[in-house]
C-alpha atoms as a PDB file:
ATOM      1  CA  MET A   1      78.960  99.495  68.119  1.00  0.00           C
ATOM      2  CA  PRO A   2      75.574 101.036  68.576  1.00  0.00           C
ATOM      3  CA  ASP A   3      75.402 104.510  69.949  1.00  0.00           C
ATOM      4  CA  THR A   4      72.699 103.888  72.664  1.00  0.00           C
ATOM      5  CA  GLY A   5      74.774 104.939  75.543  1.00  0.00           C
ATOM      6  CA  SER A   6      73.846 101.815  77.584  1.00  0.00           C
ATOM      7  CA  VAL A   7      76.350 100.572  80.154  1.00  0.00           C
ATOM      8  CA  ASP A   8      77.218  97.575  77.949  1.00  0.00           C
ATOM      9  CA  ASP A   9      77.949  99.925  74.966  1.00  0.00           C
ATOM     10  CA  GLU A  10      79.946 102.237  77.074  1.00  0.00           C
ATOM     11  CA  SER A  11      81.966  99.413  78.562  1.00  0.00           C
ATOM     12  CA  LEU A  12      82.827  98.018  75.177  1.00  0.00           C
ATOM     13  CA  ARG A  13      83.590 101.490  73.777  1.00  0.00           C
ATOM     14  CA  ASN A  14      85.903 102.322  76.710  1.00  0.00           C
ATOM     15  CA  ALA A  15      87.576  98.816  76.407  1.00  0.00           C
ATOM     16  CA  ALA A  16      88.207  99.262  72.703  1.00  0.00           C
ATOM     17  CA  ALA A  17      89.588 102.854  73.226  1.00  0.00           C
ATOM     18  CA  GLU A  18      91.829 101.643  75.940  1.00  0.00           C
ATOM     19  CA  ALA A  19      93.006  98.682  73.722  1.00  0.00           C
ATOM     20  CA  LEU A  20      93.894 101.110  70.875  1.00  0.00           C
ATOM     21  CA  GLY A  21      95.628 103.490  73.265  1.00  0.00           C
ATOM     22  CA  LEU A  22      97.720 100.661  74.517  1.00  0.00           C
ATOM     23  CA  LEU A  23      98.574  99.589  70.987  1.00  0.00           C
ATOM     24  CA  TYR A  24      99.763 103.121  70.279  1.00  0.00           C
ATOM     25  CA  GLU A  25     101.786 103.200  73.420  1.00  0.00           C
ATOM     26  CA  LEU A  26     103.556  99.992  72.431  1.00  0.00           C
ATOM     27  CA  SER A  27     104.068 101.050  68.782  1.00  0.00           C
ATOM     28  CA  PRO A  28     103.571 104.778  68.169  1.00  0.00           C
ATOM     29  CA  ASP A  29     104.161 104.429  64.485  1.00  0.00           C
ATOM     30  CA  ILE A  30     101.364 101.863  63.900  1.00  0.00           C
ATOM     31  CA  ASP A  31      98.879 102.250  61.083  1.00  0.00           C
ATOM     32  CA  VAL A  32      95.373 101.272  62.463  1.00  0.00           C
ATOM     33  CA  PHE A  33      94.133 100.970  58.976  1.00  0.00           C
ATOM     34  CA  ASN A  34      96.706  98.471  58.109  1.00  0.00           C
ATOM     35  CA  LEU A  35      97.050  96.172  61.129  1.00  0.00           C
ATOM     36  CA  THR A  36      98.616  92.704  60.887  1.00  0.00           C
ATOM     37  CA  ASP A  37      96.727  89.592  61.820  1.00  0.00           C
ATOM     38  CA  VAL A  38      98.865  89.494  65.102  1.00  0.00           C
ATOM     39  CA  GLN A  39      98.012  93.176  65.909  1.00  0.00           C
ATOM     40  CA  ILE A  40      94.348  92.523  65.247  1.00  0.00           C
ATOM     41  CA  HIS A  41      94.366  89.505  67.562  1.00  0.00           C
ATOM     42  CA  ASP A  42      96.168  91.503  70.133  1.00  0.00           C
ATOM     43  CA  VAL A  43      93.640  94.366  70.024  1.00  0.00           C
ATOM     44  CA  MET A  44      90.684  91.882  70.200  1.00  0.00           C
ATOM     45  CA  ALA A  45      92.279  90.089  73.202  1.00  0.00           C
ATOM     46  CA  ILE A  46      92.867  93.397  75.094  1.00  0.00           C
ATOM     47  CA  THR A  47      89.448  94.750  74.221  1.00  0.00           C
ATOM     48  CA  ILE A  48      87.758  91.701  75.439  1.00  0.00           C
ATOM     49  CA  ALA A  49      89.848  91.555  78.658  1.00  0.00           C
ATOM     50  CA  ASN A  50      89.184  95.328  79.350  1.00  0.00           C
ATOM     51  CA  ASP A  51      85.512  94.889  78.860  1.00  0.00           C
ATOM     52  CA  VAL A  52      85.399  91.812  81.157  1.00  0.00           C
ATOM     53  CA  CYS A  53      87.330  93.938  83.844  1.00  0.00           C
ATOM     54  CA  ASN A  54      84.890  96.747  83.366  1.00  0.00           C
ATOM     55  CA  ARG A  55      81.963  94.492  83.806  1.00  0.00           C
ATOM     56  CA  MET A  56      83.590  93.042  86.914  1.00  0.00           C
ATOM     57  CA  ASP A  57      84.065  96.488  88.296  1.00  0.00           C
ATOM     58  CA  LEU A  58      80.272  97.181  87.816  1.00  0.00           C
ATOM     59  CA  GLN A  59      79.249  94.008  89.485  1.00  0.00           C
ATOM     60  CA  LEU A  60      81.724  94.360  92.347  1.00  0.00           C
ATOM     61  CA  GLY A  61      81.758  97.987  92.709  1.00  0.00           C
ATOM     62  CA  GLN A  62      79.559  98.134  95.790  1.00  0.00           C
ATOM     63  CA  ILE A  63      81.552  95.198  97.274  1.00  0.00           C
ATOM     64  CA  TYR A  64      84.832  97.175  96.819  1.00  0.00           C
ATOM     65  CA  GLU A  65      83.360 100.006  98.944  1.00  0.00           C
ATOM     66  CA  ARG A  66      82.114  97.694 101.728  1.00  0.00           C
ATOM     67  CA  LEU A  67      85.606  95.986 101.973  1.00  0.00           C
ATOM     68  CA  ARG A  68      87.488  96.833 105.052  1.00  0.00           C
ATOM     69  CA  HIS A  69      90.742  97.130 103.093  1.00  0.00           C
ATOM     70  CA  ASP A  70      92.367 100.316 102.224  1.00  0.00           C
ATOM     71  CA  PRO A  71      92.048 101.601  98.693  1.00  0.00           C
ATOM     72  CA  GLN A  72      95.606 100.531  97.796  1.00  0.00           C
ATOM     73  CA  GLN A  73      94.754  96.997  98.686  1.00  0.00           C
ATOM     74  CA  VAL A  74      91.604  97.135  96.586  1.00  0.00           C
ATOM     75  CA  GLN A  75      93.717  98.306  93.652  1.00  0.00           C
ATOM     76  CA  LEU A  76      96.165  95.449  94.070  1.00  0.00           C
ATOM     77  CA  PHE A  77      93.111  93.191  93.965  1.00  0.00           C
ATOM     78  CA  ARG A  78      91.886  94.740  90.858  1.00  0.00           C
ATOM     79  CA  LYS A  79      95.301  94.470  89.337  1.00  0.00           C
ATOM     80  CA  ASP A  80      95.319  90.736  90.117  1.00  0.00           C
ATOM     81  CA  VAL A  81      91.832  90.343  88.505  1.00  0.00           C
ATOM     82  CA  ARG A  82      93.009  92.205  85.340  1.00  0.00           C
ATOM     83  CA  GLU A  83      96.079  90.027  85.004  1.00  0.00           C
ATOM     84  CA  TYR A  84      94.011  86.854  85.388  1.00  0.00           C
ATOM     85  CA  VAL A  85      91.517  88.030  82.920  1.00  0.00           C
ATOM     86  CA  GLN A  86      94.068  89.116  80.341  1.00  0.00           C
ATOM     87  CA  SER A  87      95.794  85.662  80.751  1.00  0.00           C
ATOM     88  CA  GLU A  88      92.583  83.807  80.488  1.00  0.00           C
ATOM     89  CA  VAL A  89      91.505  85.668  77.319  1.00  0.00           C
ATOM     90  CA  ARG A  90      94.844  84.963  75.701  1.00  0.00           C
ATOM     91  CA  VAL A  91      94.765  81.333  76.518  1.00  0.00           C
ATOM     92  CA  VAL A  92      91.328  80.689  75.103  1.00  0.00           C
ATOM     93  CA  MET A  93      92.066  82.808  71.994  1.00  0.00           C
ATOM     94  CA  GLU A  94      95.281  80.817  71.352  1.00  0.00           C
ATOM     95  CA  ARG A  95      93.340  77.598  71.892  1.00  0.00           C
ATOM     96  CA  LEU A  96      90.616  78.542  69.383  1.00  0.00           C
ATOM     97  CA  GLY A  97      92.936  80.145  66.954  1.00  0.00           C
ATOM     98  CA  GLY A  98      91.219  82.317  64.204  1.00  0.00           C
ATOM     99  CA  THR A  99      88.239  79.893  63.893  1.00  0.00           C
ATOM    100  CA  GLY A 100      85.219  79.587  66.046  1.00  0.00           C
ATOM    101  CA  LEU A 101      85.869  82.597  67.978  1.00  0.00           C
ATOM    102  CA  ASP A 102      82.605  84.114  69.354  1.00  0.00           C
ATOM    103  CA  PRO A 103      83.885  87.358  71.245  1.00  0.00           C
ATOM    104  CA  LYS A 104      80.588  87.749  73.292  1.00  0.00           C
ATOM    105  CA  ARG A 105      80.729  84.100  74.337  1.00  0.00           C
ATOM    106  CA  LEU A 106      84.351  84.320  75.175  1.00  0.00           C
ATOM    107  CA  ALA A 107      83.812  87.584  77.391  1.00  0.00           C
ATOM    108  CA  ARG A 108      80.865  85.884  79.089  1.00  0.00           C
ATOM    109  CA  ASP A 109      82.845  82.728  79.895  1.00  0.00           C
ATOM    110  CA  VAL A 110      85.926  84.716  81.050  1.00  0.00           C
ATOM    111  CA  LEU A 111      83.665  86.978  83.228  1.00  0.00           C
ATOM    112  CA  ARG A 112      81.966  83.970  84.851  1.00  0.00           C
ATOM    113  CA  SER A 113      85.329  82.252  85.484  1.00  0.00           C
ATOM    114  CA  ALA A 114      86.807  85.467  86.993  1.00  0.00           C
ATOM    115  CA  MET A 115      83.803  85.949  89.287  1.00  0.00           C
ATOM    116  CA  GLU A 116      84.057  82.380  90.469  1.00  0.00           C
ATOM    117  CA  VAL A 117      87.845  82.815  91.234  1.00  0.00           C
ATOM    118  CA  PHE A 118      87.621  86.319  92.779  1.00  0.00           C
ATOM    119  CA  ALA A 119      84.179  86.908  94.034  1.00  0.00           C
ATOM    120  CA  SER A 120      83.969  83.867  96.252  1.00  0.00           C
END
């Protein structure tokens, strides 16, 4: 990842850090330099899903503020979005398998799908 400090770079960097943190929570004795194919797949899926959710927060941030719902309701909404995005990423990645996976395109397609479902 380039170190430009752009919003896109920071979103991806935070998404990857969060994915690795979750991996450590689930398996504290994991060796990140010797991941299995399944673990690599999981980290990629979590990173892409987290990045999509970060981008949705950026795009919907002002809308969240204007909503007439209390903050707890907004957080429940965000939780629903995160669960949808994670499921969508896993479905697409499982369908594609290890071949033909373009993470940027996958993230863009899932972001578009999530925005259509939740922003309308």
